[in-house]
Amino acid sequence: MSLGKRVQQRRKILDISQLVLAKSLGVTPQHISLVEQEKVTPSIVLLAGLATQLGVSVDYLVSGKEGIITDTIPAIKADKKLKLKAKKSLISL
């Protein structure tokens, strides 16, 4: 299954319209449609946002494989040197 199909499948499972997903990501519904149709490749920033909004990892969207090291997230959250934005970005990856 392709990245676009995984985005579309997950969006439908969550019962989210392209419009709602697009608004939450700051893009147009047409852009979401193009991603789902594999006519455009999402930027890294959009890919991370899609993963967050769809409740999956970037790895899942790209490869279809769920794989996260469970000890990583608590370590990221506990690191006092990282700012909140950096922590969120790392966790979403």
C-alpha atoms as a PDB file:
ATOM      1  CA  MET A   1       0.000   0.000   0.000  1.00  0.00           C
ATOM      2  CA  SER A   2       1.278   3.490  -0.833  1.00  0.00           C
ATOM      3  CA  LEU A   3       1.722   6.488   1.454  1.00  0.00           C
ATOM      4  CA  GLY A   4      -1.295   8.198  -0.097  1.00  0.00           C
ATOM      5  CA  LYS A   5      -3.487   5.142   0.404  1.00  0.00           C
ATOM      6  CA  ARG A   6      -2.353   4.845   4.034  1.00  0.00           C
ATOM      7  CA  VAL A   7      -3.246   8.505   4.608  1.00  0.00           C
ATOM      8  CA  GLN A   8      -6.637   8.004   2.987  1.00  0.00           C
ATOM      9  CA  GLN A   9      -7.329   4.750   4.842  1.00  0.00           C
ATOM     10  CA  ARG A  10      -6.415   6.198   8.228  1.00  0.00           C
ATOM     11  CA  ARG A  11      -8.415   9.382   7.566  1.00  0.00           C
ATOM     12  CA  LYS A  12     -11.480   7.296   6.730  1.00  0.00           C
ATOM     13  CA  ILE A  13     -11.022   5.071   9.798  1.00  0.00           C
ATOM     14  CA  LEU A  14     -11.010   8.217  11.934  1.00  0.00           C
ATOM     15  CA  ASP A  15     -13.990   9.599   9.967  1.00  0.00           C
ATOM     16  CA  ILE A  16     -12.156  12.827   9.155  1.00  0.00           C
ATOM     17  CA  SER A  17     -12.962  14.687   5.959  1.00  0.00           C
ATOM     18  CA  GLN A  18     -10.249  16.016   3.686  1.00  0.00           C
ATOM     19  CA  LEU A  19     -11.475  19.509   4.582  1.00  0.00           C
ATOM     20  CA  VAL A  20     -11.081  18.976   8.338  1.00  0.00           C
ATOM     21  CA  LEU A  21      -7.671  17.345   7.921  1.00  0.00           C
ATOM     22  CA  ALA A  22      -6.524  20.108   5.574  1.00  0.00           C
ATOM     23  CA  LYS A  23      -7.625  22.883   7.951  1.00  0.00           C
ATOM     24  CA  SER A  24      -5.784  21.260  10.857  1.00  0.00           C
ATOM     25  CA  LEU A  25      -2.610  21.169   8.755  1.00  0.00           C
ATOM     26  CA  GLY A  26      -2.899  24.571   7.116  1.00  0.00           C
ATOM     27  CA  VAL A  27      -3.224  23.240   3.568  1.00  0.00           C
ATOM     28  CA  THR A  28      -6.090  22.986   1.093  1.00  0.00           C
ATOM     29  CA  PRO A  29      -8.383  19.967   0.776  1.00  0.00           C
ATOM     30  CA  GLN A  30      -7.148  19.716  -2.806  1.00  0.00           C
ATOM     31  CA  HIS A  31      -3.598  19.243  -1.505  1.00  0.00           C
ATOM     32  CA  ILE A  32      -4.737  16.389   0.747  1.00  0.00           C
ATOM     33  CA  SER A  33      -6.520  14.865  -2.246  1.00  0.00           C
ATOM     34  CA  LEU A  34      -3.348  15.104  -4.339  1.00  0.00           C
ATOM     35  CA  VAL A  35      -1.335  13.432  -1.563  1.00  0.00           C
ATOM     36  CA  GLU A  36      -3.894  10.625  -1.333  1.00  0.00           C
ATOM     37  CA  GLN A  37      -3.805  10.184  -5.119  1.00  0.00           C
ATOM     38  CA  GLU A  38       0.027  10.082  -5.064  1.00  0.00           C
ATOM     39  CA  LYS A  39       0.182  13.094  -7.388  1.00  0.00           C
ATOM     40  CA  VAL A  40       2.299  15.078  -4.912  1.00  0.00           C
ATOM     41  CA  THR A  41       4.720  14.015  -2.215  1.00  0.00           C
ATOM     42  CA  PRO A  42       4.162  15.691   1.149  1.00  0.00           C
ATOM     43  CA  SER A  43       6.958  17.785   2.612  1.00  0.00           C
ATOM     44  CA  ILE A  44       8.652  16.569   5.770  1.00  0.00           C
ATOM     45  CA  VAL A  45       6.688  19.120   7.791  1.00  0.00           C
ATOM     46  CA  LEU A  46       3.378  18.015   6.251  1.00  0.00           C
ATOM     47  CA  LEU A  47       4.307  14.354   6.693  1.00  0.00           C
ATOM     48  CA  ALA A  48       4.943  14.912  10.403  1.00  0.00           C
ATOM     49  CA  GLY A  49       1.652  16.809  10.702  1.00  0.00           C
ATOM     50  CA  LEU A  50      -0.255  14.064   8.895  1.00  0.00           C
ATOM     51  CA  ALA A  51       1.196  11.462  11.241  1.00  0.00           C
ATOM     52  CA  THR A  52       0.198  13.498  14.287  1.00  0.00           C
ATOM     53  CA  GLN A  53      -3.314  14.250  13.065  1.00  0.00           C
ATOM     54  CA  LEU A  54      -3.895  10.656  11.964  1.00  0.00           C
ATOM     55  CA  GLY A  55      -2.461   9.172  15.167  1.00  0.00           C
ATOM     56  CA  VAL A  56       0.266   7.131  13.499  1.00  0.00           C
ATOM     57  CA  SER A  57       4.025   7.363  13.140  1.00  0.00           C
ATOM     58  CA  VAL A  58       5.828   8.878  10.183  1.00  0.00           C
ATOM     59  CA  ASP A  59       7.408   5.451   9.724  1.00  0.00           C
ATOM     60  CA  TYR A  60       3.957   3.930   9.308  1.00  0.00           C
ATOM     61  CA  LEU A  61       2.943   6.480   6.671  1.00  0.00           C
ATOM     62  CA  VAL A  62       6.179   6.018   4.728  1.00  0.00           C
ATOM     63  CA  SER A  63       6.720   2.275   5.016  1.00  0.00           C
ATOM     64  CA  GLY A  64       3.535   0.794   6.406  1.00  0.00           C
ATOM     65  CA  LYS A  65       5.460  -0.618   9.347  1.00  0.00           C
ATOM     66  CA  GLU A  66       4.685   0.286  12.914  1.00  0.00           C
ATOM     67  CA  GLY A  67       7.900   0.459  14.790  1.00  0.00           C
ATOM     68  CA  ILE A  68       8.663   2.591  17.764  1.00  0.00           C
ATOM     69  CA  ILE A  69      11.091   1.989  20.554  1.00  0.00           C
ATOM     70  CA  THR A  70       8.911   2.348  23.606  1.00  0.00           C
ATOM     71  CA  ASP A  71      11.732   3.657  25.804  1.00  0.00           C
ATOM     72  CA  THR A  72      12.416   6.554  23.453  1.00  0.00           C
ATOM     73  CA  ILE A  73       9.314   8.632  24.158  1.00  0.00           C
ATOM     74  CA  PRO A  74       9.790   8.747  27.941  1.00  0.00           C
ATOM     75  CA  ALA A  75      13.450   9.664  27.389  1.00  0.00           C
ATOM     76  CA  ILE A  76      12.486  12.521  25.071  1.00  0.00           C
ATOM     77  CA  LYS A  77       9.858  13.796  27.513  1.00  0.00           C
ATOM     78  CA  ALA A  78      12.313  13.659  30.421  1.00  0.00           C
ATOM     79  CA  ASP A  79      15.115  15.547  28.649  1.00  0.00           C
ATOM     80  CA  LYS A  80      15.167  18.995  30.256  1.00  0.00           C
ATOM     81  CA  LYS A  81      17.502  20.402  27.597  1.00  0.00           C
ATOM     82  CA  LEU A  82      14.886  20.041  24.844  1.00  0.00           C
ATOM     83  CA  LYS A  83      12.240  22.671  24.304  1.00  0.00           C
ATOM     84  CA  LEU A  84       8.597  21.598  24.047  1.00  0.00           C
ATOM     85  CA  LYS A  85       8.477  22.139  20.278  1.00  0.00           C
ATOM     86  CA  ALA A  86      11.552  19.955  19.775  1.00  0.00           C
ATOM     87  CA  LYS A  87      10.080  17.244  22.001  1.00  0.00           C
ATOM     88  CA  LYS A  88       6.833  17.226  20.011  1.00  0.00           C
ATOM     89  CA  SER A  89       8.731  17.033  16.737  1.00  0.00           C
ATOM     90  CA  LEU A  90      10.883  14.146  17.906  1.00  0.00           C
ATOM     91  CA  ILE A  91       7.934  12.209  19.299  1.00  0.00           C
ATOM     92  CA  SER A  92       5.972  12.630  16.075  1.00  0.00           C
ATOM     93  CA  LEU A  93       8.877  11.155  14.112  1.00  0.00           C
END
